[in-house]
């Protein structure tokens, strides 16, 4: 699998991923290349054959422990909904939630 460098720690934890290389760096030797979004067509995937094993992405246990300790003092409901993609991507403004906008949610009761 080839991916942007910031995604490597997450993708390396995915079951079935034997290796991950950084976008823009030389590729290792391979027999064939298929774009990720073309795999359902290649494998003849149908709605009935989509694997339902979830989750398939796992966080780093050390980060889970760190954030668990850091957020333990908060008694309010904790929901993480912030998303920020790469600002280098031309369409980033169409998919990211800028920090100033997400800060407005803190004004709601229980959102601290």
C-alpha atoms as a PDB file:
ATOM      1  CA  UNK A   1       0.000   0.000   0.000  1.00  0.00           C
ATOM      2  CA  UNK A   2       1.195   3.528  -0.774  1.00  0.00           C
ATOM      3  CA  UNK A   3      -0.062   6.471   1.277  1.00  0.00           C
ATOM      4  CA  UNK A   4       0.814   9.955   2.536  1.00  0.00           C
ATOM      5  CA  UNK A   5       3.384   9.822   5.335  1.00  0.00           C
ATOM      6  CA  UNK A   6       1.011  11.074   8.085  1.00  0.00           C
ATOM      7  CA  UNK A   7      -1.256   8.034   7.506  1.00  0.00           C
ATOM      8  CA  UNK A   8       1.474   5.400   7.884  1.00  0.00           C
ATOM      9  CA  UNK A   9       1.075   4.818  11.643  1.00  0.00           C
ATOM     10  CA  UNK A  10      -2.644   4.111  11.171  1.00  0.00           C
ATOM     11  CA  UNK A  11      -2.365   1.991   8.025  1.00  0.00           C
ATOM     12  CA  UNK A  12       0.425  -0.178   9.432  1.00  0.00           C
ATOM     13  CA  UNK A  13      -2.020  -1.344  12.105  1.00  0.00           C
ATOM     14  CA  UNK A  14      -4.644  -2.547   9.596  1.00  0.00           C
ATOM     15  CA  UNK A  15      -5.136  -6.293   9.273  1.00  0.00           C
ATOM     16  CA  UNK A  16      -4.048  -7.621   5.902  1.00  0.00           C
ATOM     17  CA  UNK A  17      -1.668  -4.763   5.130  1.00  0.00           C
ATOM     18  CA  UNK A  18       1.754  -6.340   4.646  1.00  0.00           C
ATOM     19  CA  UNK A  19       3.604  -3.133   3.944  1.00  0.00           C
ATOM     20  CA  UNK A  20       3.141   0.588   3.481  1.00  0.00           C
ATOM     21  CA  UNK A  21       5.379   2.911   1.491  1.00  0.00           C
ATOM     22  CA  UNK A  22       5.348   6.699   1.437  1.00  0.00           C
ATOM     23  CA  UNK A  23       3.832   8.564  -1.499  1.00  0.00           C
ATOM     24  CA  UNK A  24       6.535  10.170  -3.590  1.00  0.00           C
ATOM     25  CA  UNK A  25       9.257   7.749  -2.535  1.00  0.00           C
ATOM     26  CA  UNK A  26      10.532   4.976  -4.826  1.00  0.00           C
ATOM     27  CA  UNK A  27       8.294   1.917  -4.916  1.00  0.00           C
ATOM     28  CA  UNK A  28       9.565  -1.527  -4.009  1.00  0.00           C
ATOM     29  CA  UNK A  29       9.516  -4.291  -6.644  1.00  0.00           C
ATOM     30  CA  UNK A  30       5.964  -5.502  -7.417  1.00  0.00           C
ATOM     31  CA  UNK A  31       4.146  -7.717  -9.909  1.00  0.00           C
ATOM     32  CA  UNK A  32       1.064  -5.598 -10.504  1.00  0.00           C
ATOM     33  CA  UNK A  33      -0.480  -2.304  -9.412  1.00  0.00           C
ATOM     34  CA  UNK A  34      -4.147  -1.580  -8.714  1.00  0.00           C
ATOM     35  CA  UNK A  35      -5.675   1.627  -7.392  1.00  0.00           C
ATOM     36  CA  UNK A  36      -7.377   1.046  -4.035  1.00  0.00           C
ATOM     37  CA  UNK A  37     -10.798   2.159  -5.260  1.00  0.00           C
ATOM     38  CA  UNK A  38     -10.566  -0.268  -8.197  1.00  0.00           C
ATOM     39  CA  UNK A  39     -10.256  -3.341  -5.941  1.00  0.00           C
ATOM     40  CA  UNK A  40     -14.030  -3.954  -5.629  1.00  0.00           C
ATOM     41  CA  UNK A  41     -14.255  -4.215  -9.433  1.00  0.00           C
ATOM     42  CA  UNK A  42     -11.190  -6.468  -9.644  1.00  0.00           C
ATOM     43  CA  UNK A  43     -12.556  -8.820  -6.967  1.00  0.00           C
ATOM     44  CA  UNK A  44     -16.169  -8.717  -8.217  1.00  0.00           C
ATOM     45  CA  UNK A  45     -17.422  -7.302  -4.919  1.00  0.00           C
ATOM     46  CA  UNK A  46     -21.176  -7.027  -4.454  1.00  0.00           C
ATOM     47  CA  UNK A  47     -23.215  -5.620  -1.579  1.00  0.00           C
ATOM     48  CA  UNK A  48     -23.609  -9.168  -0.269  1.00  0.00           C
ATOM     49  CA  UNK A  49     -19.849  -9.858  -0.242  1.00  0.00           C
ATOM     50  CA  UNK A  50     -18.650  -6.662   1.452  1.00  0.00           C
ATOM     51  CA  UNK A  51     -16.817  -7.743   4.609  1.00  0.00           C
ATOM     52  CA  UNK A  52     -18.506  -6.549   7.761  1.00  0.00           C
ATOM     53  CA  UNK A  53     -15.615  -7.005  10.160  1.00  0.00           C
ATOM     54  CA  UNK A  54     -15.366  -3.701  11.956  1.00  0.00           C
ATOM     55  CA  UNK A  55     -13.434  -1.938  13.178  1.00  0.00           C
ATOM     56  CA  UNK A  56     -10.639  -2.358  10.677  1.00  0.00           C
ATOM     57  CA  UNK A  57      -8.600   0.670  11.743  1.00  0.00           C
ATOM     58  CA  UNK A  58      -7.104   0.542  15.225  1.00  0.00           C
ATOM     59  CA  UNK A  59      -5.553   3.360  17.242  1.00  0.00           C
ATOM     60  CA  UNK A  60      -2.131   3.168  18.819  1.00  0.00           C
ATOM     61  CA  UNK A  61      -2.669   1.739  22.343  1.00  0.00           C
ATOM     62  CA  UNK A  62      -0.185   4.229  23.804  1.00  0.00           C
ATOM     63  CA  UNK A  63      -2.161   7.153  22.355  1.00  0.00           C
ATOM     64  CA  UNK A  64      -5.414   5.682  23.662  1.00  0.00           C
ATOM     65  CA  UNK A  65      -3.885   5.483  27.137  1.00  0.00           C
ATOM     66  CA  UNK A  66      -2.454   9.012  26.889  1.00  0.00           C
ATOM     67  CA  UNK A  67      -5.716  10.615  25.801  1.00  0.00           C
ATOM     68  CA  UNK A  68      -7.696   8.499  28.263  1.00  0.00           C
ATOM     69  CA  UNK A  69      -5.647   9.944  31.121  1.00  0.00           C
ATOM     70  CA  UNK A  70      -5.727  13.453  29.661  1.00  0.00           C
ATOM     71  CA  UNK A  71      -9.516  13.491  29.219  1.00  0.00           C
ATOM     72  CA  UNK A  72     -10.464  11.497  32.334  1.00  0.00           C
ATOM     73  CA  UNK A  73     -11.099  14.665  34.334  1.00  0.00           C
ATOM     74  CA  UNK A  74     -13.871  15.769  31.952  1.00  0.00           C
ATOM     75  CA  UNK A  75     -17.255  14.516  33.129  1.00  0.00           C
ATOM     76  CA  UNK A  76     -19.230  15.812  30.135  1.00  0.00           C
ATOM     77  CA  UNK A  77     -20.010  13.691  27.098  1.00  0.00           C
ATOM     78  CA  UNK A  78     -16.885  13.437  24.928  1.00  0.00           C
ATOM     79  CA  UNK A  79     -17.433  13.310  21.173  1.00  0.00           C
ATOM     80  CA  UNK A  80     -14.645  13.816  18.656  1.00  0.00           C
ATOM     81  CA  UNK A  81     -15.959  15.250  15.392  1.00  0.00           C
ATOM     82  CA  UNK A  82     -13.157  17.447  14.149  1.00  0.00           C
ATOM     83  CA  UNK A  83     -11.628  16.695  10.749  1.00  0.00           C
ATOM     84  CA  UNK A  84      -8.824  18.499   9.002  1.00  0.00           C
ATOM     85  CA  UNK A  85      -7.337  17.202   5.781  1.00  0.00           C
ATOM     86  CA  UNK A  86      -4.139  18.321   4.119  1.00  0.00           C
ATOM     87  CA  UNK A  87      -4.136  22.012   3.257  1.00  0.00           C
ATOM     88  CA  UNK A  88      -1.990  21.064   0.244  1.00  0.00           C
ATOM     89  CA  UNK A  89      -4.987  19.283  -1.315  1.00  0.00           C
ATOM     90  CA  UNK A  90      -6.755  21.631  -3.736  1.00  0.00           C
ATOM     91  CA  UNK A  91     -10.234  20.558  -2.553  1.00  0.00           C
ATOM     92  CA  UNK A  92      -9.432  20.723   1.167  1.00  0.00           C
ATOM     93  CA  UNK A  93     -11.834  23.612   1.783  1.00  0.00           C
ATOM     94  CA  UNK A  94     -14.677  21.330   0.628  1.00  0.00           C
ATOM     95  CA  UNK A  95     -13.907  18.541   3.120  1.00  0.00           C
ATOM     96  CA  UNK A  96     -12.327  20.058   6.229  1.00  0.00           C
ATOM     97  CA  UNK A  97     -13.867  21.781   9.241  1.00  0.00           C
ATOM     98  CA  UNK A  98     -11.736  24.824  10.068  1.00  0.00           C
ATOM     99  CA  UNK A  99     -10.783  25.179  13.742  1.00  0.00           C
ATOM    100  CA  UNK A 100     -12.562  28.566  14.226  1.00  0.00           C
ATOM    101  CA  UNK A 101     -15.879  27.009  13.140  1.00  0.00           C
ATOM    102  CA  UNK A 102     -15.520  23.934  15.351  1.00  0.00           C
ATOM    103  CA  UNK A 103     -14.737  26.188  18.333  1.00  0.00           C
ATOM    104  CA  UNK A 104     -18.307  27.544  18.127  1.00  0.00           C
ATOM    105  CA  UNK A 105     -19.617  24.154  19.268  1.00  0.00           C
ATOM    106  CA  UNK A 106     -18.058  24.781  22.670  1.00  0.00           C
ATOM    107  CA  UNK A 107     -20.802  27.321  23.340  1.00  0.00           C
ATOM    108  CA  UNK A 108     -23.404  24.531  23.650  1.00  0.00           C
ATOM    109  CA  UNK A 109     -24.188  23.290  27.177  1.00  0.00           C
ATOM    110  CA  UNK A 110     -22.017  20.332  28.150  1.00  0.00           C
ATOM    111  CA  UNK A 111     -19.492  20.985  25.368  1.00  0.00           C
ATOM    112  CA  UNK A 112     -16.390  22.128  27.149  1.00  0.00           C
END
